[in-house]
Amino acid sequence: MPDRPEIVCICGSTRFVDEMSAANRDLTFAGVIVVAPGVFLRAEDHEADELITNEQKTALDALHLRKIDLADRVLVVNPGGYIGESTSREIAYAHATGKPTSFTDPF
């Protein structure tokens, strides 16, 4: 028996906040420790550019890579198979660091 629960990092476009929340809930009920994005700003948010600076975006991207480092595996939430630029970088990072990666939808 492991001495701690499995840790899963959720990755994906922040446009899928509802789907990420559902995955987080399901994993948590299954006894998994979940690390996931903490800020959800989408392009359709009218004031998104005013709410987050380029420096903050860069810092959040780097922080998410550290979350991948903490995880035992990565779950990519990708409804309809969508994977954007940031998520592609995260997947490449996960593969480079040997983290198993799975997807909610085929792509």
C-alpha atoms as a PDB file:
ATOM      1  CA  MET A   1       0.000   0.000   0.000  1.00  0.00           C
ATOM      2  CA  PRO A   2       1.427   3.414  -0.941  1.00  0.00           C
ATOM      3  CA  ASP A   3       2.229   5.788   1.891  1.00  0.00           C
ATOM      4  CA  ARG A   4       0.322   8.606   0.176  1.00  0.00           C
ATOM      5  CA  PRO A   5      -2.499   8.959  -2.334  1.00  0.00           C
ATOM      6  CA  GLU A   6      -1.715   9.319  -6.027  1.00  0.00           C
ATOM      7  CA  ILE A   7      -1.158  12.910  -7.190  1.00  0.00           C
ATOM      8  CA  VAL A   8      -2.648  13.939 -10.547  1.00  0.00           C
ATOM      9  CA  CYS A   9      -2.032  17.241 -12.311  1.00  0.00           C
ATOM     10  CA  ILE A  10      -4.903  18.440 -14.479  1.00  0.00           C
ATOM     11  CA  CYS A  11      -3.874  20.278 -17.640  1.00  0.00           C
ATOM     12  CA  GLY A  12      -5.952  21.807 -20.413  1.00  0.00           C
ATOM     13  CA  SER A  13      -7.339  25.016 -21.775  1.00  0.00           C
ATOM     14  CA  THR A  14      -8.838  27.243 -19.120  1.00  0.00           C
ATOM     15  CA  ARG A  15     -11.872  27.580 -21.393  1.00  0.00           C
ATOM     16  CA  PHE A  16     -12.817  24.146 -20.010  1.00  0.00           C
ATOM     17  CA  VAL A  17     -13.210  25.286 -16.405  1.00  0.00           C
ATOM     18  CA  ASP A  18     -16.412  23.269 -15.917  1.00  0.00           C
ATOM     19  CA  GLU A  19     -14.876  20.085 -17.308  1.00  0.00           C
ATOM     20  CA  MET A  20     -11.722  20.571 -15.206  1.00  0.00           C
ATOM     21  CA  SER A  21     -13.834  21.085 -12.098  1.00  0.00           C
ATOM     22  CA  ALA A  22     -15.739  17.869 -12.833  1.00  0.00           C
ATOM     23  CA  ALA A  23     -12.490  15.929 -13.339  1.00  0.00           C
ATOM     24  CA  ASN A  24     -11.108  17.417 -10.107  1.00  0.00           C
ATOM     25  CA  ARG A  25     -14.233  16.382  -8.214  1.00  0.00           C
ATOM     26  CA  ASP A  26     -14.240  12.846  -9.636  1.00  0.00           C
ATOM     27  CA  LEU A  27     -10.553  12.311  -8.892  1.00  0.00           C
ATOM     28  CA  THR A  28     -10.901  13.748  -5.386  1.00  0.00           C
ATOM     29  CA  PHE A  29     -13.809  11.405  -4.610  1.00  0.00           C
ATOM     30  CA  ALA A  30     -11.596   8.565  -5.872  1.00  0.00           C
ATOM     31  CA  GLY A  31      -9.010   9.473  -3.216  1.00  0.00           C
ATOM     32  CA  VAL A  32      -6.574  11.279  -5.494  1.00  0.00           C
ATOM     33  CA  ILE A  33      -4.696  14.466  -4.613  1.00  0.00           C
ATOM     34  CA  VAL A  34      -5.356  16.905  -7.461  1.00  0.00           C
ATOM     35  CA  VAL A  35      -3.255  19.855  -8.565  1.00  0.00           C
ATOM     36  CA  ALA A  36      -4.802  22.031 -11.237  1.00  0.00           C
ATOM     37  CA  PRO A  37      -4.822  25.545 -12.666  1.00  0.00           C
ATOM     38  CA  GLY A  38      -5.830  28.080 -10.041  1.00  0.00           C
ATOM     39  CA  VAL A  39      -6.688  30.971 -12.380  1.00  0.00           C
ATOM     40  CA  PHE A  40      -9.280  30.701 -15.133  1.00  0.00           C
ATOM     41  CA  LEU A  41      -9.264  33.655 -17.498  1.00  0.00           C
ATOM     42  CA  ARG A  42     -10.686  33.074 -20.935  1.00  0.00           C
ATOM     43  CA  ALA A  43     -10.331  35.111 -24.103  1.00  0.00           C
ATOM     44  CA  GLU A  44     -14.065  35.807 -24.124  1.00  0.00           C
ATOM     45  CA  ASP A  45     -13.805  37.556 -20.743  1.00  0.00           C
ATOM     46  CA  HIS A  46     -14.157  41.185 -21.787  1.00  0.00           C
ATOM     47  CA  GLU A  47     -11.554  42.534 -19.381  1.00  0.00           C
ATOM     48  CA  ALA A  48      -9.190  39.556 -19.407  1.00  0.00           C
ATOM     49  CA  ASP A  49      -6.278  41.612 -20.727  1.00  0.00           C
ATOM     50  CA  GLU A  50      -6.728  44.046 -17.864  1.00  0.00           C
ATOM     51  CA  LEU A  51      -6.950  41.293 -15.247  1.00  0.00           C
ATOM     52  CA  ILE A  52      -3.645  39.518 -15.933  1.00  0.00           C
ATOM     53  CA  THR A  53      -0.314  40.876 -17.110  1.00  0.00           C
ATOM     54  CA  ASN A  54       2.119  39.118 -19.425  1.00  0.00           C
ATOM     55  CA  GLU A  55       4.443  38.681 -16.445  1.00  0.00           C
ATOM     56  CA  GLN A  56       1.657  37.033 -14.431  1.00  0.00           C
ATOM     57  CA  LYS A  57       0.837  34.716 -17.355  1.00  0.00           C
ATOM     58  CA  THR A  58       4.494  33.715 -17.629  1.00  0.00           C
ATOM     59  CA  ALA A  59       4.672  33.088 -13.870  1.00  0.00           C
ATOM     60  CA  LEU A  60       1.467  31.011 -13.923  1.00  0.00           C
ATOM     61  CA  ASP A  61       2.782  28.916 -16.821  1.00  0.00           C
ATOM     62  CA  ALA A  62       6.023  28.220 -14.915  1.00  0.00           C
ATOM     63  CA  LEU A  63       4.082  27.411 -11.748  1.00  0.00           C
ATOM     64  CA  HIS A  64       1.980  24.873 -13.624  1.00  0.00           C
ATOM     65  CA  LEU A  65       5.129  23.079 -14.761  1.00  0.00           C
ATOM     66  CA  ARG A  66       6.129  22.784 -11.092  1.00  0.00           C
ATOM     67  CA  LYS A  67       2.699  21.240 -10.437  1.00  0.00           C
ATOM     68  CA  ILE A  68       3.491  18.659 -13.117  1.00  0.00           C
ATOM     69  CA  ASP A  69       6.770  17.980 -11.278  1.00  0.00           C
ATOM     70  CA  LEU A  70       4.796  17.205  -8.103  1.00  0.00           C
ATOM     71  CA  ALA A  71       2.382  14.849  -9.853  1.00  0.00           C
ATOM     72  CA  ASP A  72       2.580  11.120 -10.408  1.00  0.00           C
ATOM     73  CA  ARG A  73       0.706  11.527 -13.674  1.00  0.00           C
ATOM     74  CA  VAL A  74      -1.024  14.127 -15.834  1.00  0.00           C
ATOM     75  CA  LEU A  75      -4.654  14.199 -16.968  1.00  0.00           C
ATOM     76  CA  VAL A  76      -5.313  16.445 -19.953  1.00  0.00           C
ATOM     77  CA  VAL A  77      -8.887  17.723 -20.072  1.00  0.00           C
ATOM     78  CA  ASN A  78      -9.488  18.186 -23.797  1.00  0.00           C
ATOM     79  CA  PRO A  79     -13.185  18.099 -24.786  1.00  0.00           C
ATOM     80  CA  GLY A  80     -13.571  17.489 -28.495  1.00  0.00           C
ATOM     81  CA  GLY A  81      -9.855  16.734 -28.707  1.00  0.00           C
ATOM     82  CA  TYR A  82      -8.873  20.408 -28.348  1.00  0.00           C
ATOM     83  CA  ILE A  83      -5.304  21.055 -27.249  1.00  0.00           C
ATOM     84  CA  GLY A  84      -3.982  24.609 -27.369  1.00  0.00           C
ATOM     85  CA  GLU A  85      -0.461  25.994 -27.390  1.00  0.00           C
ATOM     86  CA  SER A  86       0.029  26.129 -23.600  1.00  0.00           C
ATOM     87  CA  THR A  87      -1.374  22.643 -23.117  1.00  0.00           C
ATOM     88  CA  SER A  88       0.886  21.318 -25.881  1.00  0.00           C
ATOM     89  CA  ARG A  89       3.891  22.731 -23.986  1.00  0.00           C
ATOM     90  CA  GLU A  90       2.674  21.118 -20.772  1.00  0.00           C
ATOM     91  CA  ILE A  91       2.240  17.738 -22.497  1.00  0.00           C
ATOM     92  CA  ALA A  92       5.748  17.984 -23.971  1.00  0.00           C
ATOM     93  CA  TYR A  93       7.118  18.854 -20.520  1.00  0.00           C
ATOM     94  CA  ALA A  94       5.279  15.935 -18.920  1.00  0.00           C
ATOM     95  CA  HIS A  95       6.682  13.547 -21.528  1.00  0.00           C
ATOM     96  CA  ALA A  96      10.199  14.974 -21.135  1.00  0.00           C
ATOM     97  CA  THR A  97      10.038  14.406 -17.383  1.00  0.00           C
ATOM     98  CA  GLY A  98       8.629  10.893 -17.740  1.00  0.00           C
ATOM     99  CA  LYS A  99       5.140  11.619 -16.408  1.00  0.00           C
ATOM    100  CA  PRO A 100       2.418   9.293 -17.699  1.00  0.00           C
ATOM    101  CA  THR A 101      -0.183  11.335 -19.544  1.00  0.00           C
ATOM    102  CA  SER A 102      -3.789  10.523 -20.328  1.00  0.00           C
ATOM    103  CA  PHE A 103      -6.582  12.465 -22.050  1.00  0.00           C
ATOM    104  CA  THR A 104     -10.290  12.827 -21.439  1.00  0.00           C
ATOM    105  CA  ASP A 105     -10.980  12.799 -25.205  1.00  0.00           C
ATOM    106  CA  PRO A 106      -9.096  11.401 -28.199  1.00  0.00           C
ATOM    107  CA  PHE A 107      -7.325  13.990 -30.341  1.00  0.00           C
END
